[in-house]
Amino acid sequence: MGIDGVIEPIYFLITSIGFIILSFIQFKKTGKTIETIYLSILAVFFIVCFIILNFY
């Protein structure tokens, strides 16, 4: 494994799981705010990127 410009799909999955956890904590703490919506959108975006990189 070297630095050759290839981004492994597992990094997108790990990042999306992190955003899901953060959005859940944010939602429980403050409710539905713009930050919660932003974190949820980022989580969905990274999951979609993971699926695209893994299966296409």
N, C-alpha and C. Protein backbone atom coordinates (compact mmCIF):
# COMPACT_ATOMS: atom_id res chain seq x y z
N MET A 1 0.85 -1.18 0.00
CA MET A 1 0.00 0.00 0.00
C MET A 1 0.90 1.24 0.00
N GLY A 2 0.78 2.01 -1.04
CA GLY A 2 1.55 3.23 -1.13
C GLY A 2 0.67 4.40 -1.50
N ILE A 3 1.28 5.51 -1.66
CA ILE A 3 0.55 6.70 -2.07
C ILE A 3 0.62 6.78 -3.58
N ASP A 4 -0.39 6.21 -4.25
CA ASP A 4 -0.41 6.18 -5.70
C ASP A 4 -1.65 6.83 -6.30
N GLY A 5 -2.38 7.58 -5.51
CA GLY A 5 -3.54 8.29 -6.01
C GLY A 5 -4.83 7.49 -5.95
N VAL A 6 -4.80 6.29 -5.38
CA VAL A 6 -5.99 5.46 -5.28
C VAL A 6 -6.59 5.64 -3.90
N ILE A 7 -7.88 5.97 -3.86
CA ILE A 7 -8.58 6.11 -2.59
C ILE A 7 -9.37 4.82 -2.37
N GLU A 8 -9.09 4.14 -1.28
CA GLU A 8 -9.79 2.90 -0.99
C GLU A 8 -11.24 3.19 -0.60
N PRO A 9 -12.18 2.38 -1.07
CA PRO A 9 -13.60 2.61 -0.73
C PRO A 9 -13.92 2.47 0.75
N ILE A 10 -13.13 1.70 1.50
CA ILE A 10 -13.41 1.51 2.91
C ILE A 10 -13.29 2.82 3.69
N TYR A 11 -12.46 3.74 3.21
CA TYR A 11 -12.35 5.04 3.88
C TYR A 11 -13.67 5.81 3.80
N PHE A 12 -14.37 5.69 2.67
CA PHE A 12 -15.67 6.35 2.55
C PHE A 12 -16.68 5.73 3.49
N LEU A 13 -16.63 4.41 3.65
CA LEU A 13 -17.56 3.74 4.56
C LEU A 13 -17.28 4.14 6.01
N ILE A 14 -16.03 4.17 6.40
CA ILE A 14 -15.67 4.57 7.77
C ILE A 14 -16.09 6.01 8.03
N THR A 15 -15.85 6.89 7.06
CA THR A 15 -16.23 8.30 7.23
C THR A 15 -17.74 8.46 7.32
N SER A 16 -18.49 7.71 6.51
CA SER A 16 -19.94 7.82 6.56
C SER A 16 -20.49 7.30 7.89
N ILE A 17 -19.90 6.25 8.43
CA ILE A 17 -20.33 5.75 9.74
C ILE A 17 -20.04 6.81 10.81
N GLY A 18 -18.91 7.48 10.70
CA GLY A 18 -18.60 8.57 11.63
C GLY A 18 -19.60 9.70 11.54
N PHE A 19 -19.99 10.07 10.31
CA PHE A 19 -20.99 11.13 10.15
C PHE A 19 -22.35 10.70 10.67
N ILE A 20 -22.69 9.43 10.53
CA ILE A 20 -23.96 8.94 11.06
C ILE A 20 -23.97 9.04 12.59
N ILE A 21 -22.87 8.63 13.21
CA ILE A 21 -22.78 8.72 14.67
C ILE A 21 -22.84 10.18 15.13
N LEU A 22 -22.11 11.05 14.44
CA LEU A 22 -22.13 12.47 14.81
C LEU A 22 -23.51 13.09 14.63
N SER A 23 -24.19 12.76 13.54
CA SER A 23 -25.52 13.33 13.32
C SER A 23 -26.51 12.80 14.35
N PHE A 24 -26.37 11.54 14.76
CA PHE A 24 -27.24 11.00 15.80
C PHE A 24 -27.02 11.72 17.13
N ILE A 25 -25.76 11.92 17.49
CA ILE A 25 -25.44 12.65 18.73
C ILE A 25 -25.96 14.08 18.66
N GLN A 26 -25.75 14.73 17.53
CA GLN A 26 -26.22 16.11 17.35
C GLN A 26 -27.73 16.19 17.43
N PHE A 27 -28.42 15.20 16.84
CA PHE A 27 -29.89 15.20 16.86
C PHE A 27 -30.41 15.01 18.28
N LYS A 28 -29.79 14.10 19.04
CA LYS A 28 -30.24 13.89 20.41
C LYS A 28 -29.95 15.09 21.30
N LYS A 29 -28.86 15.81 20.98
CA LYS A 29 -28.45 16.94 21.82
C LYS A 29 -29.29 18.18 21.55
N THR A 30 -29.47 18.53 20.27
CA THR A 30 -30.12 19.80 19.95
C THR A 30 -31.38 19.68 19.10
N GLY A 31 -31.70 18.49 18.64
CA GLY A 31 -32.87 18.34 17.78
C GLY A 31 -32.51 18.59 16.33
N LYS A 32 -33.52 18.86 15.53
CA LYS A 32 -33.32 19.03 14.09
C LYS A 32 -32.84 20.46 13.81
N THR A 33 -31.55 20.59 13.58
CA THR A 33 -30.97 21.88 13.25
C THR A 33 -30.30 21.78 11.89
N ILE A 34 -29.76 22.88 11.42
CA ILE A 34 -29.08 22.89 10.13
C ILE A 34 -27.81 22.03 10.18
N GLU A 35 -27.17 21.96 11.34
CA GLU A 35 -25.98 21.13 11.48
C GLU A 35 -26.33 19.64 11.37
N THR A 36 -27.46 19.24 11.97
CA THR A 36 -27.89 17.85 11.89
C THR A 36 -28.21 17.47 10.45
N ILE A 37 -28.89 18.35 9.74
CA ILE A 37 -29.21 18.10 8.34
C ILE A 37 -27.94 18.01 7.51
N TYR A 38 -26.98 18.89 7.77
CA TYR A 38 -25.72 18.89 7.04
C TYR A 38 -24.94 17.59 7.27
N LEU A 39 -24.87 17.14 8.52
CA LEU A 39 -24.17 15.89 8.82
C LEU A 39 -24.88 14.69 8.19
N SER A 40 -26.20 14.71 8.16
CA SER A 40 -26.94 13.62 7.53
C SER A 40 -26.71 13.59 6.03
N ILE A 41 -26.68 14.75 5.40
CA ILE A 41 -26.41 14.82 3.96
C ILE A 41 -25.00 14.32 3.66
N LEU A 42 -24.03 14.69 4.49
CA LEU A 42 -22.66 14.19 4.29
C LEU A 42 -22.59 12.68 4.45
N ALA A 43 -23.31 12.14 5.42
CA ALA A 43 -23.32 10.69 5.62
C ALA A 43 -23.89 9.98 4.40
N VAL A 44 -24.99 10.48 3.86
CA VAL A 44 -25.59 9.88 2.67
C VAL A 44 -24.65 10.01 1.48
N PHE A 45 -24.02 11.16 1.33
CA PHE A 45 -23.09 11.39 0.22
C PHE A 45 -21.92 10.40 0.27
N PHE A 46 -21.36 10.19 1.45
CA PHE A 46 -20.23 9.27 1.56
C PHE A 46 -20.64 7.82 1.37
N ILE A 47 -21.86 7.45 1.78
CA ILE A 47 -22.35 6.10 1.53
C ILE A 47 -22.53 5.88 0.02
N VAL A 48 -23.07 6.88 -0.66
CA VAL A 48 -23.24 6.78 -2.11
C VAL A 48 -21.88 6.67 -2.80
N CYS A 49 -20.91 7.44 -2.35
CA CYS A 49 -19.56 7.35 -2.92
C CYS A 49 -18.97 5.97 -2.68
N PHE A 50 -19.20 5.41 -1.50
CA PHE A 50 -18.70 4.07 -1.20
C PHE A 50 -19.33 3.04 -2.15
N ILE A 51 -20.63 3.13 -2.35
CA ILE A 51 -21.32 2.17 -3.23
C ILE A 51 -20.82 2.32 -4.67
N ILE A 52 -20.67 3.55 -5.13
CA ILE A 52 -20.20 3.77 -6.49
C ILE A 52 -18.78 3.23 -6.68
N LEU A 53 -17.90 3.50 -5.74
CA LEU A 53 -16.52 3.02 -5.88
C LEU A 53 -16.41 1.51 -5.74
N ASN A 54 -17.29 0.92 -4.96
CA ASN A 54 -17.20 -0.51 -4.71
C ASN A 54 -17.84 -1.35 -5.81
N PHE A 55 -18.92 -0.88 -6.40
CA PHE A 55 -19.71 -1.74 -7.29
C PHE A 55 -19.74 -1.29 -8.74
N TYR A 56 -19.10 -0.18 -9.08
CA TYR A 56 -19.09 0.26 -10.48
C TYR A 56 -17.71 0.39 -11.00
